[in-house]
């Protein structure tokens, strides 16, 4: 099942995001290599600066999805104010390879 990780950054933590971005990207690349990552990207504030993330992953259940979210270097660095883990059904414009 696909789970969406909706991650909201703590206010004033842009530098934490920037400092941990290489490790975060490596982590997502690893998930992609294992066939876990579906898509991902940051939310942007009014100035175009990242202030959160949306990550779609394939997981067996919510507990597994939460474990993937918790292992993200951004989460480990304390970047997120909260992470909402929600099951999701991809209906429209689903790529053939997804």
C-alpha atoms as a PDB file:
ATOM      1  CA  UNK A   1       0.000   0.000   0.000  1.00  0.00           C
ATOM      2  CA  UNK A   2       1.121   3.557  -0.624  1.00  0.00           C
ATOM      3  CA  UNK A   3       1.542   5.833   2.377  1.00  0.00           C
ATOM      4  CA  UNK A   4       2.011   9.576   2.241  1.00  0.00           C
ATOM      5  CA  UNK A   5       4.344  11.114   4.790  1.00  0.00           C
ATOM      6  CA  UNK A   6       3.251  14.723   5.336  1.00  0.00           C
ATOM      7  CA  UNK A   7       6.098  16.409   7.162  1.00  0.00           C
ATOM      8  CA  UNK A   8       5.895  19.934   8.571  1.00  0.00           C
ATOM      9  CA  UNK A   9       9.173  21.642   9.438  1.00  0.00           C
ATOM     10  CA  UNK A  10       9.632  23.406  12.752  1.00  0.00           C
ATOM     11  CA  UNK A  11       9.586  27.176  12.349  1.00  0.00           C
ATOM     12  CA  UNK A  12      13.053  28.669  12.002  1.00  0.00           C
ATOM     13  CA  UNK A  13      14.722  25.359  11.108  1.00  0.00           C
ATOM     14  CA  UNK A  14      15.688  26.024   7.481  1.00  0.00           C
ATOM     15  CA  UNK A  15      19.382  25.636   8.337  1.00  0.00           C
ATOM     16  CA  UNK A  16      18.680  22.213   9.873  1.00  0.00           C
ATOM     17  CA  UNK A  17      17.060  21.222   6.577  1.00  0.00           C
ATOM     18  CA  UNK A  18      19.964  22.556   4.522  1.00  0.00           C
ATOM     19  CA  UNK A  19      22.602  20.916   6.738  1.00  0.00           C
ATOM     20  CA  UNK A  20      20.925  17.511   6.540  1.00  0.00           C
ATOM     21  CA  UNK A  21      19.794  17.591   2.910  1.00  0.00           C
ATOM     22  CA  UNK A  22      22.655  15.446   1.502  1.00  0.00           C
ATOM     23  CA  UNK A  23      21.922  12.642   3.988  1.00  0.00           C
ATOM     24  CA  UNK A  24      18.172  12.985   3.335  1.00  0.00           C
ATOM     25  CA  UNK A  25      18.691  12.725  -0.434  1.00  0.00           C
ATOM     26  CA  UNK A  26      20.933   9.672   0.053  1.00  0.00           C
ATOM     27  CA  UNK A  27      18.230   8.100   2.226  1.00  0.00           C
ATOM     28  CA  UNK A  28      15.536   8.708  -0.399  1.00  0.00           C
ATOM     29  CA  UNK A  29      17.823   7.366  -3.123  1.00  0.00           C
ATOM     30  CA  UNK A  30      18.256   4.217  -1.045  1.00  0.00           C
ATOM     31  CA  UNK A  31      14.488   3.871  -0.679  1.00  0.00           C
ATOM     32  CA  UNK A  32      14.171   4.327  -4.437  1.00  0.00           C
ATOM     33  CA  UNK A  33      16.765   1.635  -5.133  1.00  0.00           C
ATOM     34  CA  UNK A  34      14.790  -0.770  -2.924  1.00  0.00           C
ATOM     35  CA  UNK A  35      11.529   0.076  -4.732  1.00  0.00           C
ATOM     36  CA  UNK A  36      10.020   1.768  -1.671  1.00  0.00           C
ATOM     37  CA  UNK A  37       9.952   5.399  -2.834  1.00  0.00           C
ATOM     38  CA  UNK A  38       7.149   6.445  -5.193  1.00  0.00           C
ATOM     39  CA  UNK A  39       7.729  10.219  -5.289  1.00  0.00           C
ATOM     40  CA  UNK A  40       8.831  13.020  -2.993  1.00  0.00           C
ATOM     41  CA  UNK A  41       9.425  16.745  -2.743  1.00  0.00           C
ATOM     42  CA  UNK A  42       9.350  19.769  -0.476  1.00  0.00           C
ATOM     43  CA  UNK A  43       6.518  22.139   0.329  1.00  0.00           C
ATOM     44  CA  UNK A  44       7.470  25.787  -0.185  1.00  0.00           C
ATOM     45  CA  UNK A  45       6.637  28.929   1.767  1.00  0.00           C
ATOM     46  CA  UNK A  46       5.613  32.271   0.231  1.00  0.00           C
ATOM     47  CA  UNK A  47       9.286  33.093  -0.426  1.00  0.00           C
ATOM     48  CA  UNK A  48       9.890  29.777  -2.205  1.00  0.00           C
ATOM     49  CA  UNK A  49      11.891  28.288   0.660  1.00  0.00           C
ATOM     50  CA  UNK A  50      11.238  24.677   1.721  1.00  0.00           C
ATOM     51  CA  UNK A  51       9.166  24.295   4.887  1.00  0.00           C
ATOM     52  CA  UNK A  52       8.031  20.680   4.801  1.00  0.00           C
ATOM     53  CA  UNK A  53       8.007  17.505   2.750  1.00  0.00           C
ATOM     54  CA  UNK A  54       5.639  15.100   1.082  1.00  0.00           C
ATOM     55  CA  UNK A  55       7.024  11.621   0.572  1.00  0.00           C
ATOM     56  CA  UNK A  56       5.062   8.757  -0.968  1.00  0.00           C
ATOM     57  CA  UNK A  57       6.302   5.290  -0.067  1.00  0.00           C
ATOM     58  CA  UNK A  58       5.259   1.689  -0.486  1.00  0.00           C
ATOM     59  CA  UNK A  59       4.877  -0.072   2.882  1.00  0.00           C
ATOM     60  CA  UNK A  60       3.127  -3.124   4.297  1.00  0.00           C
ATOM     61  CA  UNK A  61       1.304  -1.205   7.007  1.00  0.00           C
ATOM     62  CA  UNK A  62       1.255   2.047   8.935  1.00  0.00           C
ATOM     63  CA  UNK A  63       3.780   0.807  11.483  1.00  0.00           C
ATOM     64  CA  UNK A  64       6.283   0.043   8.702  1.00  0.00           C
ATOM     65  CA  UNK A  65       5.600   3.412   7.058  1.00  0.00           C
ATOM     66  CA  UNK A  66       6.181   5.182  10.389  1.00  0.00           C
ATOM     67  CA  UNK A  67       9.496   3.339  10.811  1.00  0.00           C
ATOM     68  CA  UNK A  68      10.603   4.557   7.363  1.00  0.00           C
ATOM     69  CA  UNK A  69       9.598   8.117   8.298  1.00  0.00           C
ATOM     70  CA  UNK A  70      11.429   7.936  11.620  1.00  0.00           C
ATOM     71  CA  UNK A  71      14.645   6.731   9.929  1.00  0.00           C
ATOM     72  CA  UNK A  72      14.807   9.779   7.632  1.00  0.00           C
ATOM     73  CA  UNK A  73      17.835  11.933   8.485  1.00  0.00           C
ATOM     74  CA  UNK A  74      15.562  14.994   8.610  1.00  0.00           C
ATOM     75  CA  UNK A  75      13.475  13.324  11.313  1.00  0.00           C
ATOM     76  CA  UNK A  76      16.585  12.221  13.204  1.00  0.00           C
ATOM     77  CA  UNK A  77      17.907  15.801  13.093  1.00  0.00           C
ATOM     78  CA  UNK A  78      14.717  17.101  14.715  1.00  0.00           C
ATOM     79  CA  UNK A  79      13.601  19.089  11.658  1.00  0.00           C
ATOM     80  CA  UNK A  80       9.935  18.174  11.738  1.00  0.00           C
ATOM     81  CA  UNK A  81       7.261  19.669  13.967  1.00  0.00           C
ATOM     82  CA  UNK A  82       5.050  16.731  13.041  1.00  0.00           C
ATOM     83  CA  UNK A  83       4.791  13.888  10.543  1.00  0.00           C
ATOM     84  CA  UNK A  84       1.384  12.639   9.485  1.00  0.00           C
ATOM     85  CA  UNK A  85       1.401   9.118   7.998  1.00  0.00           C
ATOM     86  CA  UNK A  86      -1.649   8.426   5.835  1.00  0.00           C
ATOM     87  CA  UNK A  87      -2.632   5.562   3.518  1.00  0.00           C
ATOM     88  CA  UNK A  88      -3.288   6.764  -0.012  1.00  0.00           C
ATOM     89  CA  UNK A  89      -4.967   5.384  -3.114  1.00  0.00           C
ATOM     90  CA  UNK A  90      -3.379   6.544  -6.367  1.00  0.00           C
ATOM     91  CA  UNK A  91      -6.327   6.792  -8.789  1.00  0.00           C
ATOM     92  CA  UNK A  92      -5.680   9.472 -11.426  1.00  0.00           C
ATOM     93  CA  UNK A  93      -2.602   9.895 -13.635  1.00  0.00           C
ATOM     94  CA  UNK A  94      -0.865   6.896 -12.115  1.00  0.00           C
ATOM     95  CA  UNK A  95       2.269   6.153 -14.153  1.00  0.00           C
ATOM     96  CA  UNK A  96       2.301   2.754 -15.817  1.00  0.00           C
ATOM     97  CA  UNK A  97       5.483   1.855 -13.955  1.00  0.00           C
ATOM     98  CA  UNK A  98       4.180   2.874 -10.507  1.00  0.00           C
END
